[in-house]
């Protein structure tokens, strides 16, 4: 089992400044999964507890001189502490910069899997190692990882990943995550449960209710991908709540209840600087899906080398 690659400058920027800070907010431990073509960060796919999230990069988005081999069809996965990984990347970058000043040769940051004998131990342990070669010396940083997943565990992870790729039939685009963020910040002080309704008309309706107070927000006429229909003319003068209820009864909308804490946590992905986000509800109200989209810098074209989405567990079976 071998893995070795060099992080590109773009890869370092994506990880250090955008994705690792966001992934760290999702949870301390994640699975890092390398295949022949992709590097994938996975949260909670095997235990099903909390938000499931998948950040996937084509190898060219992060690395060059990418080499991988294993008996599991050149696939390797292991659990890693995101904050330790972030710290290693961050300090490697600062070392590169320090060594780089005054040196004509460009420093490169190598990343590889190794087994080493830790101090006071008789058992070799696996590490993800970062090596920064400077002008006169090299700095090596070892990030401890779990034992790589077995063939059976890898199959389980791949199956969970395939299932997590299923898209809701209707997705609505929320271009401004800051609006959602400020609304959720107010909501956090009201209650714990959030009702989310998404209609084929392009409406996203959020509501939190307690015995004392009801607080809601509605985003209308959003871009719809997938199943969509025109909103009924007779509904135009109704309240947001009435419109949502009628849409659900007609089968033109789905409604689920999620934890306010989970919803707020999913918005931490704004740290990865997505260009927009799509919300959708899985068939039978199985989960609330959020898909973040990235554009090629300086364009409105989708960057297909990066994909990021998360699935929030629902607190009731939902309604169609």
C-alpha atoms as a PDB file:
ATOM      1  CA  UNK A   1       0.000   0.000   0.000  1.00  0.00           C
ATOM      2  CA  UNK A   2       1.662   3.181  -1.190  1.00  0.00           C
ATOM      3  CA  UNK A   3       0.603   6.790  -1.573  1.00  0.00           C
ATOM      4  CA  UNK A   4       2.781   9.747  -2.498  1.00  0.00           C
ATOM      5  CA  UNK A   5       2.000  13.113  -4.117  1.00  0.00           C
ATOM      6  CA  UNK A   6       3.031  16.758  -4.213  1.00  0.00           C
ATOM      7  CA  UNK A   7       0.520  19.410  -3.196  1.00  0.00           C
ATOM      8  CA  UNK A   8       0.220  22.136  -5.821  1.00  0.00           C
ATOM      9  CA  UNK A   9       0.035  25.806  -4.872  1.00  0.00           C
ATOM     10  CA  UNK A  10      -3.677  25.770  -5.741  1.00  0.00           C
ATOM     11  CA  UNK A  11      -4.125  22.606  -3.655  1.00  0.00           C
ATOM     12  CA  UNK A  12      -2.421  24.179  -0.653  1.00  0.00           C
ATOM     13  CA  UNK A  13      -4.645  27.289  -0.913  1.00  0.00           C
ATOM     14  CA  UNK A  14      -7.838  25.235  -1.276  1.00  0.00           C
ATOM     15  CA  UNK A  15      -7.032  23.082   1.750  1.00  0.00           C
ATOM     16  CA  UNK A  16      -5.341  25.545   4.091  1.00  0.00           C
ATOM     17  CA  UNK A  17      -7.502  28.628   3.567  1.00  0.00           C
ATOM     18  CA  UNK A  18     -10.877  27.163   2.618  1.00  0.00           C
ATOM     19  CA  UNK A  19     -11.735  23.513   3.009  1.00  0.00           C
ATOM     20  CA  UNK A  20      -9.865  22.375   6.125  1.00  0.00           C
ATOM     21  CA  UNK A  21     -11.242  25.271   8.259  1.00  0.00           C
ATOM     22  CA  UNK A  22     -14.752  24.320   7.044  1.00  0.00           C
ATOM     23  CA  UNK A  23     -14.253  20.566   7.519  1.00  0.00           C
ATOM     24  CA  UNK A  24     -12.914  21.176  11.015  1.00  0.00           C
ATOM     25  CA  UNK A  25     -16.286  22.740  11.934  1.00  0.00           C
ATOM     26  CA  UNK A  26     -18.105  19.597  10.724  1.00  0.00           C
ATOM     27  CA  UNK A  27     -16.340  17.300  13.167  1.00  0.00           C
ATOM     28  CA  UNK A  28     -12.948  16.465  14.637  1.00  0.00           C
ATOM     29  CA  UNK A  29     -12.471  13.135  12.853  1.00  0.00           C
ATOM     30  CA  UNK A  30     -13.160  12.363   9.202  1.00  0.00           C
ATOM     31  CA  UNK A  31     -12.228   9.686   6.696  1.00  0.00           C
ATOM     32  CA  UNK A  32      -9.729  10.626   4.014  1.00  0.00           C
ATOM     33  CA  UNK A  33     -10.235   8.414   0.967  1.00  0.00           C
ATOM     34  CA  UNK A  34      -7.791   8.318  -1.943  1.00  0.00           C
ATOM     35  CA  UNK A  35      -8.633   6.647  -5.266  1.00  0.00           C
ATOM     36  CA  UNK A  36      -6.801   6.688  -8.608  1.00  0.00           C
ATOM     37  CA  UNK A  37      -8.609   9.900  -9.574  1.00  0.00           C
ATOM     38  CA  UNK A  38      -9.946  11.565  -6.412  1.00  0.00           C
ATOM     39  CA  UNK A  39      -9.201  12.659  -2.860  1.00  0.00           C
ATOM     40  CA  UNK A  40     -12.364  12.634  -0.741  1.00  0.00           C
ATOM     41  CA  UNK A  41     -13.069  13.878   2.801  1.00  0.00           C
ATOM     42  CA  UNK A  42     -16.022  12.074   4.404  1.00  0.00           C
ATOM     43  CA  UNK A  43     -17.781  12.870   7.678  1.00  0.00           C
ATOM     44  CA  UNK A  44     -20.152  10.421   9.417  1.00  0.00           C
ATOM     45  CA  UNK A  45     -20.769   8.177   6.414  1.00  0.00           C
ATOM     46  CA  UNK A  46     -20.187   4.974   8.351  1.00  0.00           C
ATOM     47  CA  UNK A  47     -21.825   5.784  11.682  1.00  0.00           C
ATOM     48  CA  UNK A  48     -24.841   7.697  10.318  1.00  0.00           C
ATOM     49  CA  UNK A  49     -24.851   9.968  13.374  1.00  0.00           C
ATOM     50  CA  UNK A  50     -25.120  13.711  12.718  1.00  0.00           C
ATOM     51  CA  UNK A  51     -24.449  15.560   9.452  1.00  0.00           C
ATOM     52  CA  UNK A  52     -22.997  13.449   6.666  1.00  0.00           C
ATOM     53  CA  UNK A  53     -20.680  15.458   4.461  1.00  0.00           C
ATOM     54  CA  UNK A  54     -18.632  14.708   1.344  1.00  0.00           C
ATOM     55  CA  UNK A  55     -15.922  16.975  -0.088  1.00  0.00           C
ATOM     56  CA  UNK A  56     -14.472  15.492  -3.260  1.00  0.00           C
ATOM     57  CA  UNK A  57     -11.556  16.748  -5.360  1.00  0.00           C
ATOM     58  CA  UNK A  58     -10.185  15.509  -8.633  1.00  0.00           C
ATOM     59  CA  UNK A  59      -6.530  14.723  -7.999  1.00  0.00           C
ATOM     60  CA  UNK A  60      -5.442  17.521 -10.381  1.00  0.00           C
ATOM     61  CA  UNK A  61      -7.225  20.100  -8.197  1.00  0.00           C
ATOM     62  CA  UNK A  62      -4.842  19.391  -5.297  1.00  0.00           C
ATOM     63  CA  UNK A  63      -1.826  17.406  -6.458  1.00  0.00           C
ATOM     64  CA  UNK A  64       0.701  16.715  -9.123  1.00  0.00           C
ATOM     65  CA  UNK A  65       2.936  13.645  -9.451  1.00  0.00           C
ATOM     66  CA  UNK A  66       0.161  11.645  -7.755  1.00  0.00           C
ATOM     67  CA  UNK A  67       1.008   7.978  -7.124  1.00  0.00           C
ATOM     68  CA  UNK A  68      -1.182   5.405  -5.423  1.00  0.00           C
ATOM     69  CA  UNK A  69      -1.167   1.626  -5.256  1.00  0.00           C
ATOM     70  CA  UNK A  70      -2.998  -0.853  -3.045  1.00  0.00           C
ATOM     71  CA  UNK A  71      -4.483  -4.318  -3.296  1.00  0.00           C
ATOM     72  CA  UNK A  72      -7.957  -2.741  -3.032  1.00  0.00           C
ATOM     73  CA  UNK A  73      -8.059  -1.460  -6.643  1.00  0.00           C
ATOM     74  CA  UNK A  74      -5.645   1.341  -5.739  1.00  0.00           C
ATOM     75  CA  UNK A  75      -7.970   2.710  -3.075  1.00  0.00           C
ATOM     76  CA  UNK A  76      -6.813   3.742   0.404  1.00  0.00           C
ATOM     77  CA  UNK A  77      -8.899   5.201   3.242  1.00  0.00           C
ATOM     78  CA  UNK A  78      -8.240   5.999   6.883  1.00  0.00           C
ATOM     79  CA  UNK A  79      -9.563   8.169   9.709  1.00  0.00           C
ATOM     80  CA  UNK A  80      -7.693  11.387  10.492  1.00  0.00           C
ATOM     81  CA  UNK A  81      -8.008  14.310  12.898  1.00  0.00           C
ATOM     82  CA  UNK A  82      -8.908  17.311  10.714  1.00  0.00           C
ATOM     83  CA  UNK A  83      -7.421  19.897  13.078  1.00  0.00           C
ATOM     84  CA  UNK A  84      -4.056  18.064  13.155  1.00  0.00           C
ATOM     85  CA  UNK A  85      -4.107  17.830   9.363  1.00  0.00           C
ATOM     86  CA  UNK A  86      -4.913  21.548   9.092  1.00  0.00           C
ATOM     87  CA  UNK A  87      -2.114  22.415  11.508  1.00  0.00           C
ATOM     88  CA  UNK A  88       0.402  20.323   9.530  1.00  0.00           C
ATOM     89  CA  UNK A  89      -0.578  21.940   6.215  1.00  0.00           C
ATOM     90  CA  UNK A  90      -0.503  25.429   7.755  1.00  0.00           C
ATOM     91  CA  UNK A  91       2.928  25.053   9.358  1.00  0.00           C
ATOM     92  CA  UNK A  92       4.327  23.350   6.223  1.00  0.00           C
ATOM     93  CA  UNK A  93       3.195  26.364   4.213  1.00  0.00           C
ATOM     94  CA  UNK A  94       4.882  28.789   6.607  1.00  0.00           C
ATOM     95  CA  UNK A  95       8.079  26.708   6.478  1.00  0.00           C
ATOM     96  CA  UNK A  96       7.920  26.671   2.656  1.00  0.00           C
ATOM     97  CA  UNK A  97       7.518  30.445   2.634  1.00  0.00           C
ATOM     98  CA  UNK A  98      10.369  30.927   5.093  1.00  0.00           C
ATOM     99  CA  UNK A  99      12.721  28.653   3.174  1.00  0.00           C
ATOM    100  CA  UNK A 100      11.508  29.985  -0.138  1.00  0.00           C
ATOM    101  CA  UNK A 101      12.604  33.559   0.433  1.00  0.00           C
ATOM    102  CA  UNK A 102      15.976  34.039  -1.178  1.00  0.00           C
ATOM    103  CA  UNK A 103      15.909  30.578  -2.796  1.00  0.00           C
ATOM    104  CA  UNK A 104      15.538  30.346  -6.551  1.00  0.00           C
ATOM    105  CA  UNK A 105      14.279  26.773  -6.406  1.00  0.00           C
ATOM    106  CA  UNK A 106      10.559  26.517  -5.680  1.00  0.00           C
ATOM    107  CA  UNK A 107       9.773  24.566  -2.538  1.00  0.00           C
ATOM    108  CA  UNK A 108       7.409  21.662  -2.933  1.00  0.00           C
ATOM    109  CA  UNK A 109       5.284  20.079  -0.271  1.00  0.00           C
ATOM    110  CA  UNK A 110       5.249  16.310  -0.483  1.00  0.00           C
ATOM    111  CA  UNK A 111       2.605  14.214   1.200  1.00  0.00           C
ATOM    112  CA  UNK A 112       2.904  10.433   1.659  1.00  0.00           C
ATOM    113  CA  UNK A 113       1.804   7.467   3.744  1.00  0.00           C
ATOM    114  CA  UNK A 114       4.439   5.976   6.014  1.00  0.00           C
ATOM    115  CA  UNK A 115       4.776   3.540   8.897  1.00  0.00           C
ATOM    116  CA  UNK A 116       7.008   4.617  11.768  1.00  0.00           C
ATOM    117  CA  UNK A 117       7.878   3.481  15.234  1.00  0.00           C
ATOM    118  CA  UNK A 118       6.669   6.192  17.649  1.00  0.00           C
ATOM    119  CA  UNK A 119       8.777   6.957  20.769  1.00  0.00           C
ATOM    120  CA  UNK A 120       8.305   4.428  23.601  1.00  0.00           C
ATOM    121  CA  UNK A 121       6.453   2.043  21.322  1.00  0.00           C
ATOM    122  CA  UNK A 122       7.238  -1.398  19.937  1.00  0.00           C
ATOM    123  CA  UNK A 123       4.517  -1.285  17.293  1.00  0.00           C
ATOM    124  CA  UNK A 124       4.940   0.666  14.023  1.00  0.00           C
ATOM    125  CA  UNK A 125       2.082   3.140  13.453  1.00  0.00           C
ATOM    126  CA  UNK A 126       0.705   4.662  10.220  1.00  0.00           C
ATOM    127  CA  UNK A 127       1.167   8.386   9.546  1.00  0.00           C
ATOM    128  CA  UNK A 128       0.372  10.867   6.806  1.00  0.00           C
ATOM    129  CA  UNK A 129       3.675  12.675   6.456  1.00  0.00           C
ATOM    130  CA  UNK A 130       4.354  16.147   5.099  1.00  0.00           C
ATOM    131  CA  UNK A 131       7.874  16.839   3.904  1.00  0.00           C
ATOM    132  CA  UNK A 132       9.091  20.315   3.069  1.00  0.00           C
ATOM    133  CA  UNK A 133      12.508  20.460   1.441  1.00  0.00           C
ATOM    134  CA  UNK A 134      14.267  23.711   2.062  1.00  0.00           C
ATOM    135  CA  UNK A 135      17.535  25.130   0.775  1.00  0.00           C
ATOM    136  CA  UNK A 136      19.730  23.248   3.263  1.00  0.00           C
ATOM    137  CA  UNK A 137      17.399  20.974   5.158  1.00  0.00           C
ATOM    138  CA  UNK A 138      14.067  19.185   5.188  1.00  0.00           C
ATOM    139  CA  UNK A 139      11.262  19.484   7.705  1.00  0.00           C
ATOM    140  CA  UNK A 140       9.045  16.460   8.247  1.00  0.00           C
ATOM    141  CA  UNK A 141       5.692  16.521  10.012  1.00  0.00           C
ATOM    142  CA  UNK A 142       3.813  13.340  10.856  1.00  0.00           C
ATOM    143  CA  UNK A 143       0.038  13.340  11.286  1.00  0.00           C
ATOM    144  CA  UNK A 144      -1.163  10.151  13.018  1.00  0.00           C
ATOM    145  CA  UNK A 145      -3.909   8.259  11.200  1.00  0.00           C
ATOM    146  CA  UNK A 146      -5.986   5.165  11.885  1.00  0.00           C
ATOM    147  CA  UNK A 147      -5.023   1.800  10.472  1.00  0.00           C
ATOM    148  CA  UNK A 148      -6.093   1.929   6.794  1.00  0.00           C
ATOM    149  CA  UNK A 149      -9.521   0.441   6.171  1.00  0.00           C
ATOM    150  CA  UNK A 150      -9.740  -3.230   5.227  1.00  0.00           C
ATOM    151  CA  UNK A 151     -11.246  -4.395   1.930  1.00  0.00           C
ATOM    152  CA  UNK A 152     -14.635  -4.987   3.606  1.00  0.00           C
ATOM    153  CA  UNK A 153     -14.580  -1.558   5.331  1.00  0.00           C
ATOM    154  CA  UNK A 154     -13.601   0.135   2.055  1.00  0.00           C
ATOM    155  CA  UNK A 155     -16.513  -1.533   0.306  1.00  0.00           C
ATOM    156  CA  UNK A 156     -18.836  -0.298   3.068  1.00  0.00           C
ATOM    157  CA  UNK A 157     -17.430   3.242   2.722  1.00  0.00           C
ATOM    158  CA  UNK A 158     -17.749   3.189  -1.079  1.00  0.00           C
ATOM    159  CA  UNK A 159     -21.357   1.916  -0.833  1.00  0.00           C
ATOM    160  CA  UNK A 160     -22.224   4.689   1.660  1.00  0.00           C
ATOM    161  CA  UNK A 161     -20.572   7.228  -0.667  1.00  0.00           C
ATOM    162  CA  UNK A 162     -22.553   5.969  -3.672  1.00  0.00           C
ATOM    163  CA  UNK A 163     -25.798   6.208  -1.679  1.00  0.00           C
ATOM    164  CA  UNK A 164     -24.920   9.710  -0.492  1.00  0.00           C
ATOM    165  CA  UNK A 165     -24.654  10.885  -4.119  1.00  0.00           C
ATOM    166  CA  UNK A 166     -28.402  10.460  -4.764  1.00  0.00           C
ATOM    167  CA  UNK A 167     -29.897  13.852  -5.601  1.00  0.00           C
ATOM    168  CA  UNK A 168     -33.302  15.115  -4.472  1.00  0.00           C
ATOM    169  CA  UNK A 169     -35.819  15.462  -7.316  1.00  0.00           C
ATOM    170  CA  UNK A 170     -36.183  19.208  -6.696  1.00  0.00           C
ATOM    171  CA  UNK A 171     -33.322  21.521  -5.775  1.00  0.00           C
ATOM    172  CA  UNK A 172     -33.634  25.280  -5.139  1.00  0.00           C
ATOM    173  CA  UNK A 173     -30.687  27.647  -5.344  1.00  0.00           C
ATOM    174  CA  UNK A 174     -29.841  30.007  -2.476  1.00  0.00           C
ATOM    175  CA  UNK A 175     -27.293  32.475  -3.853  1.00  0.00           C
ATOM    176  CA  UNK A 176     -26.783  34.427  -0.619  1.00  0.00           C
ATOM    177  CA  UNK A 177     -25.682  32.242   2.280  1.00  0.00           C
ATOM    178  CA  UNK A 178     -25.142  35.324   4.469  1.00  0.00           C
ATOM    179  CA  UNK A 179     -28.917  35.959   4.554  1.00  0.00           C
ATOM    180  CA  UNK A 180     -29.493  32.414   5.747  1.00  0.00           C
ATOM    181  CA  UNK A 181     -26.689  32.743   8.271  1.00  0.00           C
ATOM    182  CA  UNK A 182     -28.134  35.888   9.881  1.00  0.00           C
ATOM    183  CA  UNK A 183     -31.606  34.302  10.036  1.00  0.00           C
ATOM    184  CA  UNK A 184     -30.267  31.128  11.692  1.00  0.00           C
ATOM    185  CA  UNK A 185     -28.240  33.196  14.165  1.00  0.00           C
ATOM    186  CA  UNK A 186     -31.516  34.762  15.329  1.00  0.00           C
ATOM    187  CA  UNK A 187     -33.276  31.406  15.359  1.00  0.00           C
ATOM    188  CA  UNK A 188     -30.742  29.684  17.588  1.00  0.00           C
ATOM    189  CA  UNK A 189     -32.085  31.605  20.575  1.00  0.00           C
ATOM    190  CA  UNK A 190     -35.711  30.644  19.901  1.00  0.00           C
ATOM    191  CA  UNK A 191     -35.785  26.858  19.763  1.00  0.00           C
ATOM    192  CA  UNK A 192     -34.101  23.619  18.691  1.00  0.00           C
ATOM    193  CA  UNK A 193     -36.287  22.391  15.814  1.00  0.00           C
ATOM    194  CA  UNK A 194     -36.494  23.883  12.349  1.00  0.00           C
ATOM    195  CA  UNK A 195     -39.223  23.093   9.803  1.00  0.00           C
ATOM    196  CA  UNK A 196     -37.920  23.260   6.237  1.00  0.00           C
ATOM    197  CA  UNK A 197     -40.306  23.245   3.258  1.00  0.00           C
ATOM    198  CA  UNK A 198     -39.077  23.199  -0.341  1.00  0.00           C
ATOM    199  CA  UNK A 199     -41.526  23.558  -3.223  1.00  0.00           C
ATOM    200  CA  UNK A 200     -41.343  22.862  -6.943  1.00  0.00           C
ATOM    201  CA  UNK A 201     -42.313  26.549  -7.369  1.00  0.00           C
ATOM    202  CA  UNK A 202     -38.826  27.576  -6.190  1.00  0.00           C
ATOM    203  CA  UNK A 203     -39.753  28.476  -2.599  1.00  0.00           C
ATOM    204  CA  UNK A 204     -37.697  27.698   0.488  1.00  0.00           C
ATOM    205  CA  UNK A 205     -39.624  28.196   3.713  1.00  0.00           C
ATOM    206  CA  UNK A 206     -37.997  27.987   7.160  1.00  0.00           C
ATOM    207  CA  UNK A 207     -39.938  28.102  10.398  1.00  0.00           C
ATOM    208  CA  UNK A 208     -39.199  27.585  14.044  1.00  0.00           C
ATOM    209  CA  UNK A 209     -42.050  27.351  16.563  1.00  0.00           C
ATOM    210  CA  UNK A 210     -42.321  27.163  20.310  1.00  0.00           C
ATOM    211  CA  UNK A 211     -45.356  27.578  22.566  1.00  0.00           C
ATOM    212  CA  UNK A 212     -44.442  31.245  22.921  1.00  0.00           C
ATOM    213  CA  UNK A 213     -43.158  32.323  19.506  1.00  0.00           C
ATOM    214  CA  UNK A 214     -43.087  31.462  15.796  1.00  0.00           C
ATOM    215  CA  UNK A 215     -40.287  32.793  13.627  1.00  0.00           C
ATOM    216  CA  UNK A 216     -40.090  32.195   9.888  1.00  0.00           C
ATOM    217  CA  UNK A 217     -38.285  33.198   6.720  1.00  0.00           C
ATOM    218  CA  UNK A 218     -39.186  32.613   3.113  1.00  0.00           C
ATOM    219  CA  UNK A 219     -37.035  32.745  -0.002  1.00  0.00           C
ATOM    220  CA  UNK A 220     -39.224  32.841  -3.150  1.00  0.00           C
ATOM    221  CA  UNK A 221     -38.827  32.393  -6.893  1.00  0.00           C
ATOM    222  CA  UNK A 222     -35.455  30.700  -6.504  1.00  0.00           C
ATOM    223  CA  UNK A 223     -33.818  28.898  -9.418  1.00  0.00           C
ATOM    224  CA  UNK A 224     -35.112  25.306  -9.548  1.00  0.00           C
ATOM    225  CA  UNK A 225     -33.160  22.303 -10.819  1.00  0.00           C
ATOM    226  CA  UNK A 226     -35.113  19.095 -11.413  1.00  0.00           C
ATOM    227  CA  UNK A 227     -38.882  18.808 -10.933  1.00  0.00           C
ATOM    228  CA  UNK A 228     -40.555  22.220 -11.103  1.00  0.00           C
ATOM    229  CA  UNK A 229     -44.050  23.612 -11.682  1.00  0.00           C
ATOM    230  CA  UNK A 230     -45.570  27.101 -11.834  1.00  0.00           C
ATOM    231  CA  UNK A 231     -47.008  28.387  -8.594  1.00  0.00           C
ATOM    232  CA  UNK A 232     -50.832  28.561  -8.562  1.00  0.00           C
ATOM    233  CA  UNK A 233     -52.223  32.060  -9.176  1.00  0.00           C
ATOM    234  CA  UNK A 234     -54.797  31.617  -6.384  1.00  0.00           C
ATOM    235  CA  UNK A 235     -52.018  31.192  -3.784  1.00  0.00           C
ATOM    236  CA  UNK A 236     -50.415  34.584  -4.405  1.00  0.00           C
ATOM    237  CA  UNK A 237     -52.230  36.487  -1.673  1.00  0.00           C
ATOM    238  CA  UNK A 238     -51.931  33.775   0.971  1.00  0.00           C
ATOM    239  CA  UNK A 239     -49.504  33.869   3.886  1.00  0.00           C
ATOM    240  CA  UNK A 240     -46.198  32.034   3.522  1.00  0.00           C
ATOM    241  CA  UNK A 241     -47.340  29.359   5.963  1.00  0.00           C
ATOM    242  CA  UNK A 242     -50.624  28.760   4.113  1.00  0.00           C
ATOM    243  CA  UNK A 243     -48.824  28.571   0.761  1.00  0.00           C
ATOM    244  CA  UNK A 244     -46.383  26.014   2.142  1.00  0.00           C
ATOM    245  CA  UNK A 245     -49.143  23.885   3.671  1.00  0.00           C
ATOM    246  CA  UNK A 246     -51.169  23.897   0.435  1.00  0.00           C
ATOM    247  CA  UNK A 247     -48.092  23.027  -1.656  1.00  0.00           C
ATOM    248  CA  UNK A 248     -47.302  20.042   0.592  1.00  0.00           C
ATOM    249  CA  UNK A 249     -50.935  18.805   0.424  1.00  0.00           C
ATOM    250  CA  UNK A 250     -50.895  19.050  -3.385  1.00  0.00           C
ATOM    251  CA  UNK A 251     -47.631  17.113  -3.615  1.00  0.00           C
ATOM    252  CA  UNK A 252     -45.808  20.174  -4.964  1.00  0.00           C
ATOM    253  CA  UNK A 253     -43.591  20.495  -1.891  1.00  0.00           C
ATOM    254  CA  UNK A 254     -41.889  18.454   0.802  1.00  0.00           C
ATOM    255  CA  UNK A 255     -41.451  19.401   4.424  1.00  0.00           C
ATOM    256  CA  UNK A 256     -39.039  18.044   7.029  1.00  0.00           C
ATOM    257  CA  UNK A 257     -37.915  18.932  10.511  1.00  0.00           C
ATOM    258  CA  UNK A 258     -34.197  19.224  11.280  1.00  0.00           C
ATOM    259  CA  UNK A 259     -32.117  20.345  14.216  1.00  0.00           C
ATOM    260  CA  UNK A 260     -31.347  24.086  14.247  1.00  0.00           C
ATOM    261  CA  UNK A 261     -27.854  23.144  15.445  1.00  0.00           C
ATOM    262  CA  UNK A 262     -27.304  20.894  12.401  1.00  0.00           C
ATOM    263  CA  UNK A 263     -28.642  23.552  10.017  1.00  0.00           C
ATOM    264  CA  UNK A 264     -26.354  26.197  11.537  1.00  0.00           C
ATOM    265  CA  UNK A 265     -23.398  23.806  11.380  1.00  0.00           C
ATOM    266  CA  UNK A 266     -23.968  23.084   7.679  1.00  0.00           C
ATOM    267  CA  UNK A 267     -23.717  26.833   6.997  1.00  0.00           C
ATOM    268  CA  UNK A 268     -20.136  26.744   8.303  1.00  0.00           C
ATOM    269  CA  UNK A 269     -19.282  25.531   4.822  1.00  0.00           C
ATOM    270  CA  UNK A 270     -19.320  29.210   3.804  1.00  0.00           C
ATOM    271  CA  UNK A 271     -15.681  29.056   5.009  1.00  0.00           C
ATOM    272  CA  UNK A 272     -14.926  27.001   1.878  1.00  0.00           C
ATOM    273  CA  UNK A 273     -16.165  30.029  -0.129  1.00  0.00           C
ATOM    274  CA  UNK A 274     -18.768  28.331  -2.346  1.00  0.00           C
ATOM    275  CA  UNK A 275     -20.375  30.498  -5.033  1.00  0.00           C
ATOM    276  CA  UNK A 276     -23.906  29.266  -4.323  1.00  0.00           C
ATOM    277  CA  UNK A 277     -25.843  26.534  -2.538  1.00  0.00           C
ATOM    278  CA  UNK A 278     -28.756  24.289  -3.498  1.00  0.00           C
ATOM    279  CA  UNK A 279     -31.237  22.849  -1.006  1.00  0.00           C
ATOM    280  CA  UNK A 280     -33.394  19.790  -1.588  1.00  0.00           C
ATOM    281  CA  UNK A 281     -35.308  17.118   0.327  1.00  0.00           C
ATOM    282  CA  UNK A 282     -34.647  13.463  -0.471  1.00  0.00           C
ATOM    283  CA  UNK A 283     -37.545  11.181  -1.519  1.00  0.00           C
ATOM    284  CA  UNK A 284     -39.821  10.244   1.398  1.00  0.00           C
ATOM    285  CA  UNK A 285     -38.219  13.090   3.375  1.00  0.00           C
ATOM    286  CA  UNK A 286     -35.198  10.904   4.174  1.00  0.00           C
ATOM    287  CA  UNK A 287     -32.836  13.855   4.710  1.00  0.00           C
ATOM    288  CA  UNK A 288     -32.243  17.516   3.879  1.00  0.00           C
ATOM    289  CA  UNK A 289     -29.487  17.809   1.254  1.00  0.00           C
ATOM    290  CA  UNK A 290     -27.307  20.883   0.736  1.00  0.00           C
ATOM    291  CA  UNK A 291     -25.116  21.037  -2.371  1.00  0.00           C
ATOM    292  CA  UNK A 292     -22.466  23.741  -2.610  1.00  0.00           C
ATOM    293  CA  UNK A 293     -21.263  24.851  -6.008  1.00  0.00           C
ATOM    294  CA  UNK A 294     -17.952  26.383  -7.035  1.00  0.00           C
ATOM    295  CA  UNK A 295     -17.218  28.371 -10.182  1.00  0.00           C
ATOM    296  CA  UNK A 296     -13.983  28.436 -12.119  1.00  0.00           C
ATOM    297  CA  UNK A 297     -12.328  31.671 -10.874  1.00  0.00           C
ATOM    298  CA  UNK A 298     -13.315  34.676 -12.980  1.00  0.00           C
ATOM    299  CA  UNK A 299     -16.224  32.886 -14.647  1.00  0.00           C
ATOM    300  CA  UNK A 300     -19.769  31.641 -14.026  1.00  0.00           C
ATOM    301  CA  UNK A 301     -18.812  28.151 -15.160  1.00  0.00           C
ATOM    302  CA  UNK A 302     -19.076  25.322 -12.682  1.00  0.00           C
ATOM    303  CA  UNK A 303     -15.761  23.944 -11.451  1.00  0.00           C
ATOM    304  CA  UNK A 304     -16.293  20.225 -11.914  1.00  0.00           C
ATOM    305  CA  UNK A 305     -13.031  19.329 -10.171  1.00  0.00           C
ATOM    306  CA  UNK A 306     -14.565  20.150  -6.749  1.00  0.00           C
ATOM    307  CA  UNK A 307     -17.815  18.877  -5.273  1.00  0.00           C
ATOM    308  CA  UNK A 308     -19.164  19.442  -1.790  1.00  0.00           C
ATOM    309  CA  UNK A 309     -22.451  18.437  -0.230  1.00  0.00           C
ATOM    310  CA  UNK A 310     -23.932  17.466   3.103  1.00  0.00           C
ATOM    311  CA  UNK A 311     -27.020  15.605   4.291  1.00  0.00           C
ATOM    312  CA  UNK A 312     -28.830  16.649   7.473  1.00  0.00           C
ATOM    313  CA  UNK A 313     -30.735  13.946   9.357  1.00  0.00           C
ATOM    314  CA  UNK A 314     -34.446  14.608   9.753  1.00  0.00           C
ATOM    315  CA  UNK A 315     -36.225  14.444  13.084  1.00  0.00           C
ATOM    316  CA  UNK A 316     -39.481  13.131  11.663  1.00  0.00           C
ATOM    317  CA  UNK A 317     -40.243  10.971   8.615  1.00  0.00           C
ATOM    318  CA  UNK A 318     -41.180  14.057   6.596  1.00  0.00           C
ATOM    319  CA  UNK A 319     -44.184  14.381   4.311  1.00  0.00           C
ATOM    320  CA  UNK A 320     -44.450  14.250   0.553  1.00  0.00           C
END
